[in-house]
């Protein structure tokens, strides 16, 4: 005889909640990306923090592709060019092969990107499109899970469990960065993601794009900001989901009552029944009341003194 397989119903009830907790991760990352992309990933902030202006002044004159005059550009022009790249990888900008750079007087100096750089940015655009679409699919799935939990009164994971999940993810990521090094991780991710025949590594002396970004340092700063913003969005989504599920139409536990009140509710109208049992329809004492008075023991009379 085959052994019977028993399922823990309590664990099954928790599975949709944990699935929602996992799905909220890509949703939070998507929201963080969309917000940062609208503000050019705070490039003006990193421009000052990473001293990109000094970086350009140092490497632009060393350009070996005939673009040494890029040193004549201004910080405003650098921010404009970075914005062109951001809008291009988002699929909402002008063709990058037509991007040009200007000096302080507004005079056009030359093409900003080489063909290899344009090809790499198109690969990035395709990758961003795929990941963005996946993020929206996770968003739709998370919405369906919220509806399921709301209708079936299924629980979300406790805050401590969600915090532990985040700590594990951040801890594993931090250990990998510490063990392999940020540069090695950055290079390995590029080798996994991009086709082997397409160049993605550019020296400062060959690429105005890399020089303007001060890559990969700026990518590390953006990744840290993106992670922090995703954590904030995740917390807001989690709190919102908990409050929504608490307002489920079926989740009405009612008021807590004492044991005495519960006993009274179990036998409703008890006092009224006693009263009506002692009275007949005319309001005069009924038979039951007269019988009780007759059964009462008569009071003993005190002897009279002579």
C-alpha atoms as a PDB file:
ATOM      1  CA  UNK A   1       0.000   0.000   0.000  1.00  0.00           C
ATOM      2  CA  UNK A   2       1.404   3.365  -1.019  1.00  0.00           C
ATOM      3  CA  UNK A   3       1.922   5.893   1.776  1.00  0.00           C
ATOM      4  CA  UNK A   4      -0.452   8.838   1.773  1.00  0.00           C
ATOM      5  CA  UNK A   5       1.050  12.228   1.053  1.00  0.00           C
ATOM      6  CA  UNK A   6      -0.145  14.858   3.482  1.00  0.00           C
ATOM      7  CA  UNK A   7      -0.082  18.535   2.672  1.00  0.00           C
ATOM      8  CA  UNK A   8       0.193  21.225   5.286  1.00  0.00           C
ATOM      9  CA  UNK A   9      -2.721  23.533   4.527  1.00  0.00           C
ATOM     10  CA  UNK A  10      -1.181  26.359   6.549  1.00  0.00           C
ATOM     11  CA  UNK A  11       1.939  26.306   4.371  1.00  0.00           C
ATOM     12  CA  UNK A  12      -0.144  26.232   1.222  1.00  0.00           C
ATOM     13  CA  UNK A  13      -2.002  29.327   2.424  1.00  0.00           C
ATOM     14  CA  UNK A  14       1.309  31.150   2.874  1.00  0.00           C
ATOM     15  CA  UNK A  15       2.675  30.352  -0.583  1.00  0.00           C
ATOM     16  CA  UNK A  16       0.752  33.032  -2.539  1.00  0.00           C
ATOM     17  CA  UNK A  17       1.846  35.662  -0.015  1.00  0.00           C
ATOM     18  CA  UNK A  18       5.510  34.735  -0.366  1.00  0.00           C
ATOM     19  CA  UNK A  19       5.133  34.629  -4.131  1.00  0.00           C
ATOM     20  CA  UNK A  20       3.807  38.185  -4.007  1.00  0.00           C
ATOM     21  CA  UNK A  21       6.716  39.217  -1.782  1.00  0.00           C
ATOM     22  CA  UNK A  22       9.137  37.905  -4.423  1.00  0.00           C
ATOM     23  CA  UNK A  23       7.256  39.463  -7.347  1.00  0.00           C
ATOM     24  CA  UNK A  24       7.370  42.861  -5.680  1.00  0.00           C
ATOM     25  CA  UNK A  25      11.173  42.840  -6.098  1.00  0.00           C
ATOM     26  CA  UNK A  26      11.177  43.321  -9.903  1.00  0.00           C
ATOM     27  CA  UNK A  27       8.237  45.705  -9.569  1.00  0.00           C
ATOM     28  CA  UNK A  28      10.225  47.893  -7.181  1.00  0.00           C
ATOM     29  CA  UNK A  29      13.273  47.717  -9.463  1.00  0.00           C
ATOM     30  CA  UNK A  30      11.132  48.754 -12.430  1.00  0.00           C
ATOM     31  CA  UNK A  31       9.703  51.747 -10.580  1.00  0.00           C
ATOM     32  CA  UNK A  32      13.170  52.791  -9.448  1.00  0.00           C
ATOM     33  CA  UNK A  33      14.537  52.526 -12.984  1.00  0.00           C
ATOM     34  CA  UNK A  34      11.672  54.519 -14.510  1.00  0.00           C
ATOM     35  CA  UNK A  35      12.085  57.291 -11.963  1.00  0.00           C
ATOM     36  CA  UNK A  36      15.864  57.501 -12.317  1.00  0.00           C
ATOM     37  CA  UNK A  37      15.662  57.461 -16.111  1.00  0.00           C
ATOM     38  CA  UNK A  38      13.377  60.505 -16.021  1.00  0.00           C
ATOM     39  CA  UNK A  39      16.026  62.483 -14.133  1.00  0.00           C
ATOM     40  CA  UNK A  40      19.003  61.171 -16.163  1.00  0.00           C
ATOM     41  CA  UNK A  41      20.073  58.979 -13.231  1.00  0.00           C
ATOM     42  CA  UNK A  42      21.082  62.164 -11.355  1.00  0.00           C
ATOM     43  CA  UNK A  43      24.027  62.699 -13.672  1.00  0.00           C
ATOM     44  CA  UNK A  44      24.541  66.319 -12.484  1.00  0.00           C
ATOM     45  CA  UNK A  45      25.055  64.971  -8.952  1.00  0.00           C
ATOM     46  CA  UNK A  46      27.567  62.341 -10.028  1.00  0.00           C
ATOM     47  CA  UNK A  47      29.221  64.925 -12.269  1.00  0.00           C
ATOM     48  CA  UNK A  48      30.248  66.808  -9.145  1.00  0.00           C
ATOM     49  CA  UNK A  49      30.780  63.843  -6.825  1.00  0.00           C
ATOM     50  CA  UNK A  50      32.993  61.925  -9.270  1.00  0.00           C
ATOM     51  CA  UNK A  51      34.712  65.091 -10.584  1.00  0.00           C
ATOM     52  CA  UNK A  52      33.806  64.163 -14.148  1.00  0.00           C
ATOM     53  CA  UNK A  53      34.734  67.609 -15.454  1.00  0.00           C
ATOM     54  CA  UNK A  54      38.346  67.069 -14.375  1.00  0.00           C
ATOM     55  CA  UNK A  55      38.200  63.557 -15.808  1.00  0.00           C
ATOM     56  CA  UNK A  56      37.143  64.924 -19.215  1.00  0.00           C
ATOM     57  CA  UNK A  57      39.785  67.646 -19.099  1.00  0.00           C
ATOM     58  CA  UNK A  58      42.417  64.958 -18.515  1.00  0.00           C
ATOM     59  CA  UNK A  59      41.392  62.318 -21.080  1.00  0.00           C
ATOM     60  CA  UNK A  60      39.713  64.308 -23.881  1.00  0.00           C
ATOM     61  CA  UNK A  61      43.037  65.720 -25.199  1.00  0.00           C
ATOM     62  CA  UNK A  62      44.340  62.121 -25.351  1.00  0.00           C
ATOM     63  CA  UNK A  63      41.571  60.974 -27.697  1.00  0.00           C
ATOM     64  CA  UNK A  64      43.038  58.893 -30.522  1.00  0.00           C
ATOM     65  CA  UNK A  65      39.964  59.050 -32.781  1.00  0.00           C
ATOM     66  CA  UNK A  66      40.377  62.671 -33.884  1.00  0.00           C
ATOM     67  CA  UNK A  67      38.090  64.081 -31.195  1.00  0.00           C
ATOM     68  CA  UNK A  68      40.596  65.812 -28.931  1.00  0.00           C
ATOM     69  CA  UNK A  69      38.625  69.046 -29.343  1.00  0.00           C
ATOM     70  CA  UNK A  70      36.016  67.572 -26.976  1.00  0.00           C
ATOM     71  CA  UNK A  71      37.997  69.354 -24.270  1.00  0.00           C
ATOM     72  CA  UNK A  72      36.377  72.589 -25.510  1.00  0.00           C
ATOM     73  CA  UNK A  73      32.900  71.434 -24.468  1.00  0.00           C
ATOM     74  CA  UNK A  74      31.132  72.680 -21.344  1.00  0.00           C
ATOM     75  CA  UNK A  75      29.478  70.892 -18.395  1.00  0.00           C
ATOM     76  CA  UNK A  76      26.088  71.849 -19.843  1.00  0.00           C
ATOM     77  CA  UNK A  77      27.015  70.089 -23.077  1.00  0.00           C
ATOM     78  CA  UNK A  78      28.169  67.040 -21.129  1.00  0.00           C
ATOM     79  CA  UNK A  79      24.807  66.821 -19.360  1.00  0.00           C
ATOM     80  CA  UNK A  80      22.978  67.170 -22.681  1.00  0.00           C
ATOM     81  CA  UNK A  81      24.983  64.365 -24.269  1.00  0.00           C
ATOM     82  CA  UNK A  82      24.413  62.058 -21.311  1.00  0.00           C
ATOM     83  CA  UNK A  83      20.691  62.791 -21.553  1.00  0.00           C
ATOM     84  CA  UNK A  84      20.767  61.785 -25.228  1.00  0.00           C
ATOM     85  CA  UNK A  85      22.215  58.410 -24.259  1.00  0.00           C
ATOM     86  CA  UNK A  86      19.614  57.859 -21.525  1.00  0.00           C
ATOM     87  CA  UNK A  87      16.705  58.651 -23.840  1.00  0.00           C
ATOM     88  CA  UNK A  88      18.193  56.444 -26.553  1.00  0.00           C
ATOM     89  CA  UNK A  89      18.483  53.339 -24.374  1.00  0.00           C
ATOM     90  CA  UNK A  90      14.915  54.029 -23.247  1.00  0.00           C
ATOM     91  CA  UNK A  91      13.827  53.951 -26.886  1.00  0.00           C
ATOM     92  CA  UNK A  92      12.512  57.507 -26.893  1.00  0.00           C
ATOM     93  CA  UNK A  93      15.400  59.578 -28.236  1.00  0.00           C
ATOM     94  CA  UNK A  94      16.943  60.683 -31.508  1.00  0.00           C
ATOM     95  CA  UNK A  95      19.287  58.372 -33.453  1.00  0.00           C
ATOM     96  CA  UNK A  96      22.639  58.315 -31.711  1.00  0.00           C
ATOM     97  CA  UNK A  97      24.635  58.096 -34.910  1.00  0.00           C
ATOM     98  CA  UNK A  98      23.547  61.684 -35.582  1.00  0.00           C
ATOM     99  CA  UNK A  99      24.561  63.048 -32.168  1.00  0.00           C
ATOM    100  CA  UNK A 100      27.152  65.829 -32.345  1.00  0.00           C
ATOM    101  CA  UNK A 101      28.951  67.916 -29.727  1.00  0.00           C
ATOM    102  CA  UNK A 102      29.489  71.681 -29.586  1.00  0.00           C
ATOM    103  CA  UNK A 103      31.925  74.084 -28.001  1.00  0.00           C
ATOM    104  CA  UNK A 104      31.039  76.872 -25.576  1.00  0.00           C
ATOM    105  CA  UNK A 105      29.986  79.147 -28.449  1.00  0.00           C
ATOM    106  CA  UNK A 106      27.584  76.544 -29.849  1.00  0.00           C
ATOM    107  CA  UNK A 107      29.766  75.665 -32.829  1.00  0.00           C
ATOM    108  CA  UNK A 108      29.486  72.046 -33.965  1.00  0.00           C
ATOM    109  CA  UNK A 109      32.765  70.184 -33.513  1.00  0.00           C
ATOM    110  CA  UNK A 110      32.063  66.629 -34.630  1.00  0.00           C
ATOM    111  CA  UNK A 111      30.256  63.336 -34.118  1.00  0.00           C
ATOM    112  CA  UNK A 112      29.954  62.276 -30.500  1.00  0.00           C
ATOM    113  CA  UNK A 113      29.886  58.485 -30.989  1.00  0.00           C
ATOM    114  CA  UNK A 114      31.657  55.985 -33.194  1.00  0.00           C
ATOM    115  CA  UNK A 115      29.861  53.126 -34.931  1.00  0.00           C
ATOM    116  CA  UNK A 116      31.002  50.586 -32.307  1.00  0.00           C
ATOM    117  CA  UNK A 117      29.592  52.720 -29.501  1.00  0.00           C
ATOM    118  CA  UNK A 118      26.289  53.197 -31.314  1.00  0.00           C
ATOM    119  CA  UNK A 119      26.042  49.427 -31.799  1.00  0.00           C
ATOM    120  CA  UNK A 120      26.701  48.790 -28.116  1.00  0.00           C
ATOM    121  CA  UNK A 121      24.067  51.309 -27.046  1.00  0.00           C
ATOM    122  CA  UNK A 122      21.544  49.629 -29.355  1.00  0.00           C
ATOM    123  CA  UNK A 123      22.302  46.349 -27.580  1.00  0.00           C
ATOM    124  CA  UNK A 124      21.683  48.121 -24.285  1.00  0.00           C
ATOM    125  CA  UNK A 125      18.405  49.488 -25.659  1.00  0.00           C
ATOM    126  CA  UNK A 126      17.222  45.981 -26.566  1.00  0.00           C
ATOM    127  CA  UNK A 127      18.219  44.682 -23.137  1.00  0.00           C
ATOM    128  CA  UNK A 128      16.381  47.517 -21.386  1.00  0.00           C
ATOM    129  CA  UNK A 129      13.286  46.849 -23.504  1.00  0.00           C
ATOM    130  CA  UNK A 130      13.269  43.151 -22.550  1.00  0.00           C
ATOM    131  CA  UNK A 131      13.798  43.829 -18.840  1.00  0.00           C
ATOM    132  CA  UNK A 132      11.186  46.597 -18.819  1.00  0.00           C
ATOM    133  CA  UNK A 133       8.629  44.295 -20.436  1.00  0.00           C
ATOM    134  CA  UNK A 134       9.461  41.615 -17.863  1.00  0.00           C
ATOM    135  CA  UNK A 135       8.996  44.179 -15.113  1.00  0.00           C
ATOM    136  CA  UNK A 136       5.520  45.043 -16.385  1.00  0.00           C
ATOM    137  CA  UNK A 137       4.611  41.351 -16.545  1.00  0.00           C
ATOM    138  CA  UNK A 138       5.697  40.960 -12.937  1.00  0.00           C
ATOM    139  CA  UNK A 139       3.612  44.023 -12.089  1.00  0.00           C
ATOM    140  CA  UNK A 140       0.521  42.465 -13.654  1.00  0.00           C
ATOM    141  CA  UNK A 141       1.174  39.163 -11.876  1.00  0.00           C
ATOM    142  CA  UNK A 142       1.630  40.975  -8.563  1.00  0.00           C
ATOM    143  CA  UNK A 143      -1.696  42.739  -9.085  1.00  0.00           C
ATOM    144  CA  UNK A 144      -3.447  39.412  -9.666  1.00  0.00           C
ATOM    145  CA  UNK A 145      -1.841  37.963  -6.550  1.00  0.00           C
ATOM    146  CA  UNK A 146      -3.030  40.914  -4.480  1.00  0.00           C
ATOM    147  CA  UNK A 147      -6.573  40.304  -5.736  1.00  0.00           C
ATOM    148  CA  UNK A 148      -6.268  36.601  -4.863  1.00  0.00           C
ATOM    149  CA  UNK A 149      -4.993  37.325  -1.358  1.00  0.00           C
ATOM    150  CA  UNK A 150      -7.669  39.971  -0.845  1.00  0.00           C
ATOM    151  CA  UNK A 151     -10.498  37.678  -1.941  1.00  0.00           C
ATOM    152  CA  UNK A 152      -9.305  34.503  -0.216  1.00  0.00           C
ATOM    153  CA  UNK A 153      -8.052  36.260   2.938  1.00  0.00           C
ATOM    154  CA  UNK A 154      -4.573  34.791   2.525  1.00  0.00           C
ATOM    155  CA  UNK A 155      -1.741  36.255   4.611  1.00  0.00           C
ATOM    156  CA  UNK A 156       1.279  38.245   3.522  1.00  0.00           C
ATOM    157  CA  UNK A 157       4.668  37.266   4.941  1.00  0.00           C
ATOM    158  CA  UNK A 158       5.457  39.057   8.218  1.00  0.00           C
ATOM    159  CA  UNK A 159       7.722  42.124   8.078  1.00  0.00           C
ATOM    160  CA  UNK A 160      10.502  40.191   9.794  1.00  0.00           C
ATOM    161  CA  UNK A 161      10.462  37.524   7.084  1.00  0.00           C
ATOM    162  CA  UNK A 162      10.534  40.116   4.299  1.00  0.00           C
ATOM    163  CA  UNK A 163      13.381  41.985   5.995  1.00  0.00           C
ATOM    164  CA  UNK A 164      15.315  38.717   6.280  1.00  0.00           C
ATOM    165  CA  UNK A 165      14.796  38.079   2.572  1.00  0.00           C
ATOM    166  CA  UNK A 166      16.228  41.506   1.729  1.00  0.00           C
ATOM    167  CA  UNK A 167      19.166  41.002   4.081  1.00  0.00           C
ATOM    168  CA  UNK A 168      19.993  37.683   2.431  1.00  0.00           C
ATOM    169  CA  UNK A 169      19.851  39.195  -1.057  1.00  0.00           C
ATOM    170  CA  UNK A 170      21.963  42.199  -0.128  1.00  0.00           C
ATOM    171  CA  UNK A 171      24.349  40.016   1.853  1.00  0.00           C
ATOM    172  CA  UNK A 172      24.903  37.596  -1.019  1.00  0.00           C
ATOM    173  CA  UNK A 173      25.378  40.474  -3.453  1.00  0.00           C
ATOM    174  CA  UNK A 174      27.833  42.181  -1.132  1.00  0.00           C
ATOM    175  CA  UNK A 175      29.802  38.979  -0.630  1.00  0.00           C
ATOM    176  CA  UNK A 176      30.088  38.451  -4.398  1.00  0.00           C
ATOM    177  CA  UNK A 177      31.312  42.024  -4.908  1.00  0.00           C
ATOM    178  CA  UNK A 178      33.801  41.672  -2.061  1.00  0.00           C
ATOM    179  CA  UNK A 179      35.049  38.279  -3.246  1.00  0.00           C
ATOM    180  CA  UNK A 180      35.316  38.960  -6.992  1.00  0.00           C
ATOM    181  CA  UNK A 181      35.660  42.732  -7.027  1.00  0.00           C
ATOM    182  CA  UNK A 182      33.303  45.248  -8.686  1.00  0.00           C
ATOM    183  CA  UNK A 183      35.305  45.429 -11.916  1.00  0.00           C
ATOM    184  CA  UNK A 184      35.314  41.643 -12.367  1.00  0.00           C
ATOM    185  CA  UNK A 185      31.568  41.429 -11.698  1.00  0.00           C
ATOM    186  CA  UNK A 186      30.933  44.280 -14.139  1.00  0.00           C
ATOM    187  CA  UNK A 187      32.966  42.608 -16.887  1.00  0.00           C
ATOM    188  CA  UNK A 188      31.430  39.179 -16.278  1.00  0.00           C
ATOM    189  CA  UNK A 189      27.883  40.534 -16.505  1.00  0.00           C
ATOM    190  CA  UNK A 190      28.717  42.172 -19.824  1.00  0.00           C
ATOM    191  CA  UNK A 191      30.145  38.913 -21.158  1.00  0.00           C
ATOM    192  CA  UNK A 192      26.993  37.043 -20.146  1.00  0.00           C
ATOM    193  CA  UNK A 193      24.521  39.589 -21.466  1.00  0.00           C
ATOM    194  CA  UNK A 194      25.990  40.954 -24.682  1.00  0.00           C
ATOM    195  CA  UNK A 195      26.908  38.981 -27.819  1.00  0.00           C
ATOM    196  CA  UNK A 196      30.589  37.982 -27.977  1.00  0.00           C
ATOM    197  CA  UNK A 197      31.154  39.587 -31.391  1.00  0.00           C
ATOM    198  CA  UNK A 198      29.911  43.010 -30.286  1.00  0.00           C
ATOM    199  CA  UNK A 199      32.422  45.286 -28.515  1.00  0.00           C
ATOM    200  CA  UNK A 200      31.360  46.707 -25.175  1.00  0.00           C
ATOM    201  CA  UNK A 201      34.694  47.739 -23.626  1.00  0.00           C
ATOM    202  CA  UNK A 202      36.070  51.138 -24.659  1.00  0.00           C
ATOM    203  CA  UNK A 203      39.176  52.936 -23.414  1.00  0.00           C
ATOM    204  CA  UNK A 204      38.980  56.555 -22.343  1.00  0.00           C
ATOM    205  CA  UNK A 205      41.438  57.482 -25.100  1.00  0.00           C
ATOM    206  CA  UNK A 206      39.109  55.979 -27.746  1.00  0.00           C
ATOM    207  CA  UNK A 207      35.603  56.780 -26.504  1.00  0.00           C
ATOM    208  CA  UNK A 208      33.995  60.113 -25.694  1.00  0.00           C
ATOM    209  CA  UNK A 209      31.035  58.153 -24.328  1.00  0.00           C
ATOM    210  CA  UNK A 210      33.150  56.384 -21.709  1.00  0.00           C
ATOM    211  CA  UNK A 211      34.999  59.599 -20.920  1.00  0.00           C
ATOM    212  CA  UNK A 212      31.774  61.582 -20.452  1.00  0.00           C
ATOM    213  CA  UNK A 213      30.344  58.913 -18.164  1.00  0.00           C
ATOM    214  CA  UNK A 214      33.553  58.125 -16.303  1.00  0.00           C
ATOM    215  CA  UNK A 215      32.537  54.491 -16.567  1.00  0.00           C
ATOM    216  CA  UNK A 216      32.424  52.181 -14.731  1.00  0.00           C
ATOM    217  CA  UNK A 217      32.551  54.353 -11.586  1.00  0.00           C
ATOM    218  CA  UNK A 218      29.287  56.067 -12.451  1.00  0.00           C
ATOM    219  CA  UNK A 219      27.593  52.684 -12.912  1.00  0.00           C
ATOM    220  CA  UNK A 220      28.525  51.687  -9.364  1.00  0.00           C
ATOM    221  CA  UNK A 221      27.036  54.928  -8.017  1.00  0.00           C
ATOM    222  CA  UNK A 222      23.855  54.493 -10.058  1.00  0.00           C
ATOM    223  CA  UNK A 223      23.531  50.845  -8.975  1.00  0.00           C
ATOM    224  CA  UNK A 224      23.779  51.815  -5.296  1.00  0.00           C
ATOM    225  CA  UNK A 225      21.169  54.554  -5.743  1.00  0.00           C
ATOM    226  CA  UNK A 226      18.916  52.227  -7.718  1.00  0.00           C
ATOM    227  CA  UNK A 227      19.095  49.586  -4.983  1.00  0.00           C
ATOM    228  CA  UNK A 228      18.241  52.099  -2.264  1.00  0.00           C
ATOM    229  CA  UNK A 229      15.339  53.478  -4.289  1.00  0.00           C
ATOM    230  CA  UNK A 230      14.046  49.975  -5.041  1.00  0.00           C
ATOM    231  CA  UNK A 231      14.141  49.191  -1.322  1.00  0.00           C
ATOM    232  CA  UNK A 232      12.059  52.302  -0.636  1.00  0.00           C
ATOM    233  CA  UNK A 233       9.522  51.420  -3.327  1.00  0.00           C
ATOM    234  CA  UNK A 234       9.356  47.849  -2.034  1.00  0.00           C
ATOM    235  CA  UNK A 235       8.575  49.059   1.476  1.00  0.00           C
ATOM    236  CA  UNK A 236       5.796  51.311   0.150  1.00  0.00           C
ATOM    237  CA  UNK A 237       4.323  48.507  -1.957  1.00  0.00           C
ATOM    238  CA  UNK A 238       4.474  46.041   0.931  1.00  0.00           C
ATOM    239  CA  UNK A 239       2.821  48.445   3.375  1.00  0.00           C
ATOM    240  CA  UNK A 240       0.158  49.316   0.819  1.00  0.00           C
ATOM    241  CA  UNK A 241      -0.591  45.648   0.176  1.00  0.00           C
ATOM    242  CA  UNK A 242      -0.910  44.923   3.904  1.00  0.00           C
ATOM    243  CA  UNK A 243      -3.342  47.796   4.396  1.00  0.00           C
ATOM    244  CA  UNK A 244      -5.387  46.757   1.398  1.00  0.00           C
ATOM    245  CA  UNK A 245      -5.619  43.152   2.566  1.00  0.00           C
ATOM    246  CA  UNK A 246      -6.635  44.326   6.036  1.00  0.00           C
ATOM    247  CA  UNK A 247      -9.717  45.913   4.450  1.00  0.00           C
ATOM    248  CA  UNK A 248     -10.921  42.712   2.836  1.00  0.00           C
ATOM    249  CA  UNK A 249     -14.761  42.497   2.964  1.00  0.00           C
ATOM    250  CA  UNK A 250     -14.508  39.030   4.488  1.00  0.00           C
ATOM    251  CA  UNK A 251     -11.861  39.987   7.019  1.00  0.00           C
ATOM    252  CA  UNK A 252     -14.312  41.235   9.716  1.00  0.00           C
ATOM    253  CA  UNK A 253     -13.365  39.519  12.956  1.00  0.00           C
ATOM    254  CA  UNK A 254     -16.032  41.458  14.871  1.00  0.00           C
ATOM    255  CA  UNK A 255     -15.856  42.758  18.416  1.00  0.00           C
ATOM    256  CA  UNK A 256     -14.339  40.667  21.124  1.00  0.00           C
ATOM    257  CA  UNK A 257     -16.905  39.680  23.785  1.00  0.00           C
ATOM    258  CA  UNK A 258     -16.592  38.164  27.206  1.00  0.00           C
ATOM    259  CA  UNK A 259     -17.669  34.665  28.166  1.00  0.00           C
ATOM    260  CA  UNK A 260     -20.757  36.015  29.944  1.00  0.00           C
ATOM    261  CA  UNK A 261     -21.814  38.024  26.917  1.00  0.00           C
ATOM    262  CA  UNK A 262     -21.278  34.974  24.748  1.00  0.00           C
ATOM    263  CA  UNK A 263     -23.517  32.917  27.037  1.00  0.00           C
ATOM    264  CA  UNK A 264     -26.231  35.569  26.842  1.00  0.00           C
ATOM    265  CA  UNK A 265     -25.968  35.592  23.070  1.00  0.00           C
ATOM    266  CA  UNK A 266     -26.203  31.801  23.058  1.00  0.00           C
ATOM    267  CA  UNK A 267     -29.607  31.991  24.858  1.00  0.00           C
ATOM    268  CA  UNK A 268     -31.213  35.210  23.563  1.00  0.00           C
ATOM    269  CA  UNK A 269     -34.203  36.636  25.294  1.00  0.00           C
ATOM    270  CA  UNK A 270     -33.688  34.663  28.501  1.00  0.00           C
ATOM    271  CA  UNK A 271     -34.693  37.498  30.787  1.00  0.00           C
ATOM    272  CA  UNK A 272     -37.693  38.305  28.653  1.00  0.00           C
ATOM    273  CA  UNK A 273     -38.818  34.684  28.752  1.00  0.00           C
ATOM    274  CA  UNK A 274     -38.625  34.642  32.557  1.00  0.00           C
ATOM    275  CA  UNK A 275     -40.697  37.777  32.759  1.00  0.00           C
ATOM    276  CA  UNK A 276     -43.357  36.560  30.368  1.00  0.00           C
ATOM    277  CA  UNK A 277     -43.468  33.208  32.160  1.00  0.00           C
ATOM    278  CA  UNK A 278     -44.525  35.019  35.338  1.00  0.00           C
ATOM    279  CA  UNK A 279     -47.241  37.034  33.688  1.00  0.00           C
ATOM    280  CA  UNK A 280     -50.269  36.087  31.682  1.00  0.00           C
ATOM    281  CA  UNK A 281     -51.600  38.035  28.791  1.00  0.00           C
ATOM    282  CA  UNK A 282     -53.409  40.621  31.029  1.00  0.00           C
ATOM    283  CA  UNK A 283     -50.290  41.569  32.951  1.00  0.00           C
ATOM    284  CA  UNK A 284     -51.460  39.927  36.219  1.00  0.00           C
ATOM    285  CA  UNK A 285     -49.360  37.318  38.005  1.00  0.00           C
ATOM    286  CA  UNK A 286     -49.580  34.023  36.191  1.00  0.00           C
ATOM    287  CA  UNK A 287     -49.873  30.502  37.492  1.00  0.00           C
ATOM    288  CA  UNK A 288     -46.135  30.016  37.780  1.00  0.00           C
ATOM    289  CA  UNK A 289     -45.762  33.115  39.939  1.00  0.00           C
ATOM    290  CA  UNK A 290     -48.661  32.090  42.216  1.00  0.00           C
ATOM    291  CA  UNK A 291     -47.194  28.596  42.615  1.00  0.00           C
ATOM    292  CA  UNK A 292     -43.827  30.027  43.715  1.00  0.00           C
ATOM    293  CA  UNK A 293     -45.486  32.232  46.320  1.00  0.00           C
ATOM    294  CA  UNK A 294     -47.429  29.290  47.693  1.00  0.00           C
ATOM    295  CA  UNK A 295     -44.262  27.237  48.021  1.00  0.00           C
ATOM    296  CA  UNK A 296     -42.538  29.892  50.052  1.00  0.00           C
ATOM    297  CA  UNK A 297     -42.062  28.847  53.691  1.00  0.00           C
ATOM    298  CA  UNK A 298     -44.366  30.890  55.995  1.00  0.00           C
ATOM    299  CA  UNK A 299     -42.622  33.154  58.420  1.00  0.00           C
ATOM    300  CA  UNK A 300     -42.647  31.961  62.057  1.00  0.00           C
ATOM    301  CA  UNK A 301     -44.816  34.084  64.366  1.00  0.00           C
ATOM    302  CA  UNK A 302     -43.231  35.528  67.453  1.00  0.00           C
ATOM    303  CA  UNK A 303     -44.969  34.471  70.736  1.00  0.00           C
ATOM    304  CA  UNK A 304     -46.989  37.160  72.447  1.00  0.00           C
ATOM    305  CA  UNK A 305     -45.973  38.215  75.917  1.00  0.00           C
ATOM    306  CA  UNK A 306     -48.599  38.156  78.634  1.00  0.00           C
END
